[in-house]
PDB file of N, CA and C in Angstrom:
ATOM      1  N   MET A   1      35.288  44.334 233.109  1.00  0.00           N
ATOM      2  CA  MET A   1      35.117  44.335 231.641  1.00  0.00           C
ATOM      3  C   MET A   1      35.206  42.920 231.423  1.00  0.00           C
ATOM      4  N   ASP A   2      34.437  42.401 230.728  1.00  0.00           N
ATOM      5  CA  ASP A   2      33.956  41.036 230.387  1.00  0.00           C
ATOM      6  C   ASP A   2      35.432  40.629 229.577  1.00  0.00           C
ATOM      7  N   ASP A   3      36.108  39.666 229.748  1.00  0.00           N
ATOM      8  CA  ASP A   3      37.199  39.175 228.874  1.00  0.00           C
ATOM      9  C   ASP A   3      36.985  38.950 227.688  1.00  0.00           C
ATOM     10  N   LYS A   4      35.676  38.427 227.051  1.00  0.00           N
ATOM     11  CA  LYS A   4      35.535  38.115 225.636  1.00  0.00           C
ATOM     12  C   LYS A   4      34.890  39.616 224.920  1.00  0.00           C
ATOM     13  N   LYS A   5      34.522  40.484 225.476  1.00  0.00           N
ATOM     14  CA  LYS A   5      34.177  41.764 225.067  1.00  0.00           C
ATOM     15  C   LYS A   5      35.094  42.247 223.851  1.00  0.00           C
ATOM     16  N   GLY A   6      36.292  42.378 224.244  1.00  0.00           N
ATOM     17  CA  GLY A   6      37.353  42.924 223.432  1.00  0.00           C
ATOM     18  C   GLY A   6      37.686  42.071 222.020  1.00  0.00           C
ATOM     19  N   PRO A   7      37.918  40.693 222.334  1.00  0.00           N
ATOM     20  CA  PRO A   7      38.234  40.022 221.147  1.00  0.00           C
ATOM     21  C   PRO A   7      36.796  39.675 220.387  1.00  0.00           C
ATOM     22  N   VAL A   8      35.617  39.906 221.014  1.00  0.00           N
ATOM     23  CA  VAL A   8      34.380  39.654 220.151  1.00  0.00           C
ATOM     24  C   VAL A   8      34.176  40.881 219.301  1.00  0.00           C
ATOM     25  N   ALA A   9      34.450  41.780 220.063  1.00  0.00           N
ATOM     26  CA  ALA A   9      34.524  43.508 219.155  1.00  0.00           C
ATOM     27  C   ALA A   9      35.226  43.388 218.213  1.00  0.00           C
ATOM     28  N   MET A  10      36.596  43.051 218.392  1.00  0.00           N
ATOM     29  CA  MET A  10      37.559  43.069 217.393  1.00  0.00           C
ATOM     30  C   MET A  10      37.157  42.115 216.376  1.00  0.00           C
ATOM     31  N   LEU A  11      36.652  40.952 216.348  1.00  0.00           N
ATOM     32  CA  LEU A  11      36.327  39.969 215.506  1.00  0.00           C
ATOM     33  C   LEU A  11      35.164  40.491 214.468  1.00  0.00           C
ATOM     34  N   GLN A  12      34.076  41.175 215.258  1.00  0.00           N
ATOM     35  CA  GLN A  12      33.250  41.943 214.653  1.00  0.00           C
ATOM     36  C   GLN A  12      33.600  43.074 213.553  1.00  0.00           C
ATOM     37  N   TRP A  13      34.701  43.830 214.074  1.00  0.00           N
ATOM     38  CA  TRP A  13      35.214  45.073 213.439  1.00  0.00           C
ATOM     39  C   TRP A  13      36.168  44.269 212.040  1.00  0.00           C
ATOM     40  N   ARG A  14      36.693  43.228 212.552  1.00  0.00           N
ATOM     41  CA  ARG A  14      37.455  42.770 211.256  1.00  0.00           C
ATOM     42  C   ARG A  14      36.594  42.466 210.177  1.00  0.00           C
ATOM     43  N   ALA A  15      35.495  41.501 210.433  1.00  0.00           N
ATOM     44  CA  ALA A  15      34.464  40.858 209.285  1.00  0.00           C
ATOM     45  C   ALA A  15      33.950  42.390 208.885  1.00  0.00           C
ATOM     46  N   THR A  16      33.585  43.180 209.701  1.00  0.00           N
ATOM     47  CA  THR A  16      32.799  44.395 208.856  1.00  0.00           C
ATOM     48  C   THR A  16      33.726  45.134 207.951  1.00  0.00           C
ATOM     49  N   PHE A  17      35.110  45.353 208.303  1.00  0.00           N
ATOM     50  CA  PHE A  17      36.080  46.301 207.507  1.00  0.00           C
ATOM     51  C   PHE A  17      37.087  45.492 206.749  1.00  0.00           C
ATOM     52  N   LEU A  18      37.592  44.373 207.127  1.00  0.00           N
ATOM     53  CA  LEU A  18      38.751  43.829 206.520  1.00  0.00           C
ATOM     54  C   LEU A  18      38.164  42.424 205.882  1.00  0.00           C
ATOM     55  N   GLY A  19      36.934  41.994 205.699  1.00  0.00           N
ATOM     56  CA  GLY A  19      36.517  40.808 205.045  1.00  0.00           C
ATOM     57  C   GLY A  19      37.144  40.512 203.710  1.00  0.00           C
ATOM     58  N   GLU A  20      37.588  41.486 202.958  1.00  0.00           N
ATOM     59  CA  GLU A  20      38.237  41.265 201.903  1.00  0.00           C
ATOM     60  C   GLU A  20      39.707  41.585 201.759  1.00  0.00           C
ATOM     61  N   GLY A  21      40.150  41.899 203.084  1.00  0.00           N
ATOM     62  CA  GLY A  21      41.472  42.017 202.993  1.00  0.00           C
ATOM     63  C   GLY A  21      42.177  43.270 202.423  1.00  0.00           C
ATOM     64  N   VAL A  22      41.421  44.360 201.636  1.00  0.00           N
ATOM     65  CA  VAL A  22      41.927  45.538 201.185  1.00  0.00           C
ATOM     66  C   VAL A  22      40.783  46.445 201.514  1.00  0.00           C
ATOM     67  N   LEU A  23      41.672  47.974 201.772  1.00  0.00           N
ATOM     68  CA  LEU A  23      40.751  48.915 202.113  1.00  0.00           C
ATOM     69  C   LEU A  23      40.716  49.754 201.170  1.00  0.00           C
ATOM     70  N   GLN A  24      39.887  50.584 200.744  1.00  0.00           N
ATOM     71  CA  GLN A  24      40.158  51.880 200.010  1.00  0.00           C
ATOM     72  C   GLN A  24      40.094  52.991 201.047  1.00  0.00           C
ATOM     73  N   GLU A  25      40.467  54.060 200.571  1.00  0.00           N
ATOM     74  CA  GLU A  25      40.521  55.005 201.433  1.00  0.00           C
ATOM     75  C   GLU A  25      39.258  55.499 202.348  1.00  0.00           C
ATOM     76  N   GLU A  26      38.180  55.534 201.441  1.00  0.00           N
ATOM     77  CA  GLU A  26      36.782  55.775 202.239  1.00  0.00           C
ATOM     78  C   GLU A  26      36.437  54.603 203.359  1.00  0.00           C
ATOM     79  N   ASP A  27      36.689  53.541 203.100  1.00  0.00           N
ATOM     80  CA  ASP A  27      36.623  52.368 203.960  1.00  0.00           C
ATOM     81  C   ASP A  27      37.528  52.449 205.005  1.00  0.00           C
ATOM     82  N   TYR A  28      38.498  53.014 204.663  1.00  0.00           N
ATOM     83  CA  TYR A  28      39.688  53.067 205.860  1.00  0.00           C
ATOM     84  C   TYR A  28      39.367  54.079 206.802  1.00  0.00           C
ATOM     85  N   ASP A  29      38.816  55.247 206.430  1.00  0.00           N
ATOM     86  CA  ASP A  29      38.249  56.155 207.277  1.00  0.00           C
ATOM     87  C   ASP A  29      37.332  55.807 208.337  1.00  0.00           C
ATOM     88  N   GLN A  30      36.275  55.139 207.631  1.00  0.00           N
ATOM     89  CA  GLN A  30      35.310  54.492 208.265  1.00  0.00           C
ATOM     90  C   GLN A  30      35.798  53.354 209.274  1.00  0.00           C
ATOM     91  N   ALA A  31      36.692  52.583 208.911  1.00  0.00           N
ATOM     92  CA  ALA A  31      37.394  51.639 209.979  1.00  0.00           C
ATOM     93  C   ALA A  31      38.141  52.243 210.907  1.00  0.00           C
ATOM     94  N   LEU A  32      38.888  53.331 210.746  1.00  0.00           N
ATOM     95  CA  LEU A  32      39.322  53.889 212.017  1.00  0.00           C
ATOM     96  C   LEU A  32      38.474  54.601 213.032  1.00  0.00           C
ATOM     97  N   MET A  33      37.444  55.100 212.299  1.00  0.00           N
ATOM     98  CA  MET A  33      36.434  55.719 213.370  1.00  0.00           C
ATOM     99  C   MET A  33      35.747  54.811 213.959  1.00  0.00           C
ATOM    100  N   ALA A  34      35.683  53.702 213.373  1.00  0.00           N
ATOM    101  CA  ALA A  34      34.746  52.714 214.222  1.00  0.00           C
ATOM    102  C   ALA A  34      35.720  52.083 215.356  1.00  0.00           C
ATOM    103  N   ALA A  35      36.966  51.909 214.975  1.00  0.00           N
ATOM    104  CA  ALA A  35      37.911  51.469 215.973  1.00  0.00           C
ATOM    105  C   ALA A  35      38.178  52.409 217.048  1.00  0.00           C
ATOM    106  N   ALA A  36      38.134  53.630 216.857  1.00  0.00           N
ATOM    107  CA  ALA A  36      38.026  54.736 217.853  1.00  0.00           C
ATOM    108  C   ALA A  36      36.776  54.794 218.656  1.00  0.00           C
ATOM    109  N   ARG A  37      35.645  54.537 218.185  1.00  0.00           N
ATOM    110  CA  ARG A  37      34.478  54.568 218.977  1.00  0.00           C
ATOM    111  C   ARG A  37      34.565  53.321 219.724  1.00  0.00           C
ATOM    112  N   LEU A  38      35.062  52.059 219.446  1.00  0.00           N
ATOM    113  CA  LEU A  38      35.173  50.800 220.113  1.00  0.00           C
ATOM    114  C   LEU A  38      36.109  51.334 221.476  1.00  0.00           C
ATOM    115  N   GLU A  39      37.107  51.899 221.227  1.00  0.00           N
ATOM    116  CA  GLU A  39      38.198  52.089 221.928  1.00  0.00           C
ATOM    117  C   GLU A  39      37.575  53.015 223.126  1.00  0.00           C
ATOM    118  N   GLN A  40      36.653  54.172 222.810  1.00  0.00           N
ATOM    119  CA  GLN A  40      36.165  55.350 223.600  1.00  0.00           C
ATOM    120  C   GLN A  40      35.197  54.714 224.382  1.00  0.00           C
ATOM    121  N   SER A  41      34.404  53.605 224.086  1.00  0.00           N
ATOM    122  CA  SER A  41      33.324  53.257 224.790  1.00  0.00           C
ATOM    123  C   SER A  41      33.797  52.023 225.873  1.00  0.00           C
ATOM    124  N   GLY A  42      35.260  51.869 225.454  1.00  0.00           N
ATOM    125  CA  GLY A  42      35.585  50.714 226.633  1.00  0.00           C
ATOM    126  C   GLY A  42      35.383  49.164 225.889  1.00  0.00           C
ATOM    127  N   ALA A  43      35.016  49.216 224.679  1.00  0.00           N
ATOM    128  CA  ALA A  43      34.756  47.792 224.334  1.00  0.00           C
ATOM    129  C   ALA A  43      35.858  47.183 223.822  1.00  0.00           C
ATOM    130  N   VAL A  44      37.227  48.043 223.591  1.00  0.00           N
ATOM    131  CA  VAL A  44      38.273  47.416 223.309  1.00  0.00           C
ATOM    132  C   VAL A  44      39.362  48.238 223.869  1.00  0.00           C
ATOM    133  N   SER A  45      40.437  47.804 224.199  1.00  0.00           N
ATOM    134  CA  SER A  45      41.351  48.476 225.272  1.00  0.00           C
ATOM    135  C   SER A  45      42.417  49.264 224.223  1.00  0.00           C
ATOM    136  N   ALA A  46      43.148  50.162 224.825  1.00  0.00           N
ATOM    137  CA  ALA A  46      44.226  50.784 223.961  1.00  0.00           C
ATOM    138  C   ALA A  46      44.954  49.751 223.213  1.00  0.00           C
ATOM    139  N   GLY A  47      45.450  48.985 223.641  1.00  0.00           N
ATOM    140  CA  GLY A  47      46.304  47.973 222.827  1.00  0.00           C
ATOM    141  C   GLY A  47      45.741  47.414 221.778  1.00  0.00           C
ATOM    142  N   GLU A  48      44.276  46.857 222.148  1.00  0.00           N
ATOM    143  CA  GLU A  48      43.714  46.284 220.803  1.00  0.00           C
ATOM    144  C   GLU A  48      43.154  47.178 219.974  1.00  0.00           C
ATOM    145  N   TRP A  49      42.880  48.744 220.356  1.00  0.00           N
ATOM    146  CA  TRP A  49      42.561  49.758 219.228  1.00  0.00           C
ATOM    147  C   TRP A  49      44.013  49.907 218.337  1.00  0.00           C
ATOM    148  N   LEU A  50      45.032  49.845 218.734  1.00  0.00           N
ATOM    149  CA  LEU A  50      46.261  49.912 218.326  1.00  0.00           C
ATOM    150  C   LEU A  50      46.544  48.906 217.233  1.00  0.00           C
ATOM    151  N   GLN A  51      46.023  47.679 217.706  1.00  0.00           N
ATOM    152  CA  GLN A  51      46.172  46.303 216.901  1.00  0.00           C
ATOM    153  C   GLN A  51      45.259  46.773 215.376  1.00  0.00           C
ATOM    154  N   MET A  52      44.046  46.998 215.662  1.00  0.00           N
ATOM    155  CA  MET A  52      43.093  47.299 214.615  1.00  0.00           C
ATOM    156  C   MET A  52      43.609  48.260 213.735  1.00  0.00           C
ATOM    157  N   VAL A  53      44.154  49.513 214.148  1.00  0.00           N
ATOM    158  CA  VAL A  53      44.779  50.493 213.522  1.00  0.00           C
ATOM    159  C   VAL A  53      45.844  49.732 212.565  1.00  0.00           C
ATOM    160  N   ARG A  54      46.662  49.066 212.979  1.00  0.00           N
ATOM    161  CA  ARG A  54      47.683  48.447 212.413  1.00  0.00           C
ATOM    162  C   ARG A  54      47.221  47.434 211.273  1.00  0.00           C
ATOM    163  N   GLN A  55      46.094  46.968 211.590  1.00  0.00           N
ATOM    164  CA  GLN A  55      45.570  46.144 210.523  1.00  0.00           C
ATOM    165  C   GLN A  55      44.852  46.777 209.463  1.00  0.00           C
ATOM    166  N   ALA A  56      44.199  47.998 209.721  1.00  0.00           N
ATOM    167  CA  ALA A  56      43.501  48.756 208.619  1.00  0.00           C
ATOM    168  C   ALA A  56      44.882  49.503 207.935  1.00  0.00           C
ATOM    169  N   ASN A  57      45.862  49.980 208.482  1.00  0.00           N
ATOM    170  CA  ASN A  57      46.892  50.517 207.884  1.00  0.00           C
ATOM    171  C   ASN A  57      47.428  49.466 206.759  1.00  0.00           C
ATOM    172  N   ALA A  58      47.735  47.944 207.109  1.00  0.00           N
ATOM    173  CA  ALA A  58      48.085  47.205 206.112  1.00  0.00           C
ATOM    174  C   ALA A  58      46.978  46.964 205.079  1.00  0.00           C
ATOM    175  N   ALA A  59      45.918  46.884 205.248  1.00  0.00           N
ATOM    176  CA  ALA A  59      44.708  46.575 204.353  1.00  0.00           C
ATOM    177  C   ALA A  59      44.909  47.726 203.295  1.00  0.00           C
ATOM    178  N   LEU A  60      44.791  49.032 204.022  1.00  0.00           N
ATOM    179  CA  LEU A  60      44.793  50.057 202.972  1.00  0.00           C
ATOM    180  C   LEU A  60      46.163  49.927 201.876  1.00  0.00           C
ATOM    181  N   LEU A  61      47.358  49.742 202.458  1.00  0.00           N
ATOM    182  CA  LEU A  61      48.621  49.538 201.780  1.00  0.00           C
ATOM    183  C   LEU A  61      48.590  48.307 200.911  1.00  0.00           C
ATOM    184  N   TYR A  62      47.858  47.096 201.058  1.00  0.00           N
ATOM    185  CA  TYR A  62      47.766  45.965 200.354  1.00  0.00           C
ATOM    186  C   TYR A  62      47.600  46.278 199.090  1.00  0.00           C
ATOM    187  N   GLN A  63      48.241  46.096 198.062  1.00  0.00           N
ATOM    188  CA  GLN A  63      47.960  45.790 196.563  1.00  0.00           C
ATOM    189  C   GLN A  63      48.159  44.339 196.144  1.00  0.00           C
ATOM    190  N   PRO A  64      47.035  43.466 195.651  1.00  0.00           N
ATOM    191  CA  PRO A  64      47.060  42.429 195.378  1.00  0.00           C
ATOM    192  C   PRO A  64      47.867  42.167 193.872  1.00  0.00           C
TER     193      PRO A  64
END
């Protein structure tokens, strides 16, 4: 696997779903499904997937 594949995929995922830093439930569901697809396709590792899930959780719970 290309060393840049995981970090680049994660950056793109963050830009798509966490750009505003806050997720609504509908967007949260989409973010988790996208993260799962990236992990299943091998674009990110299981550890990277876990980081993405944690970031999505934090964005869902964040109340400015």
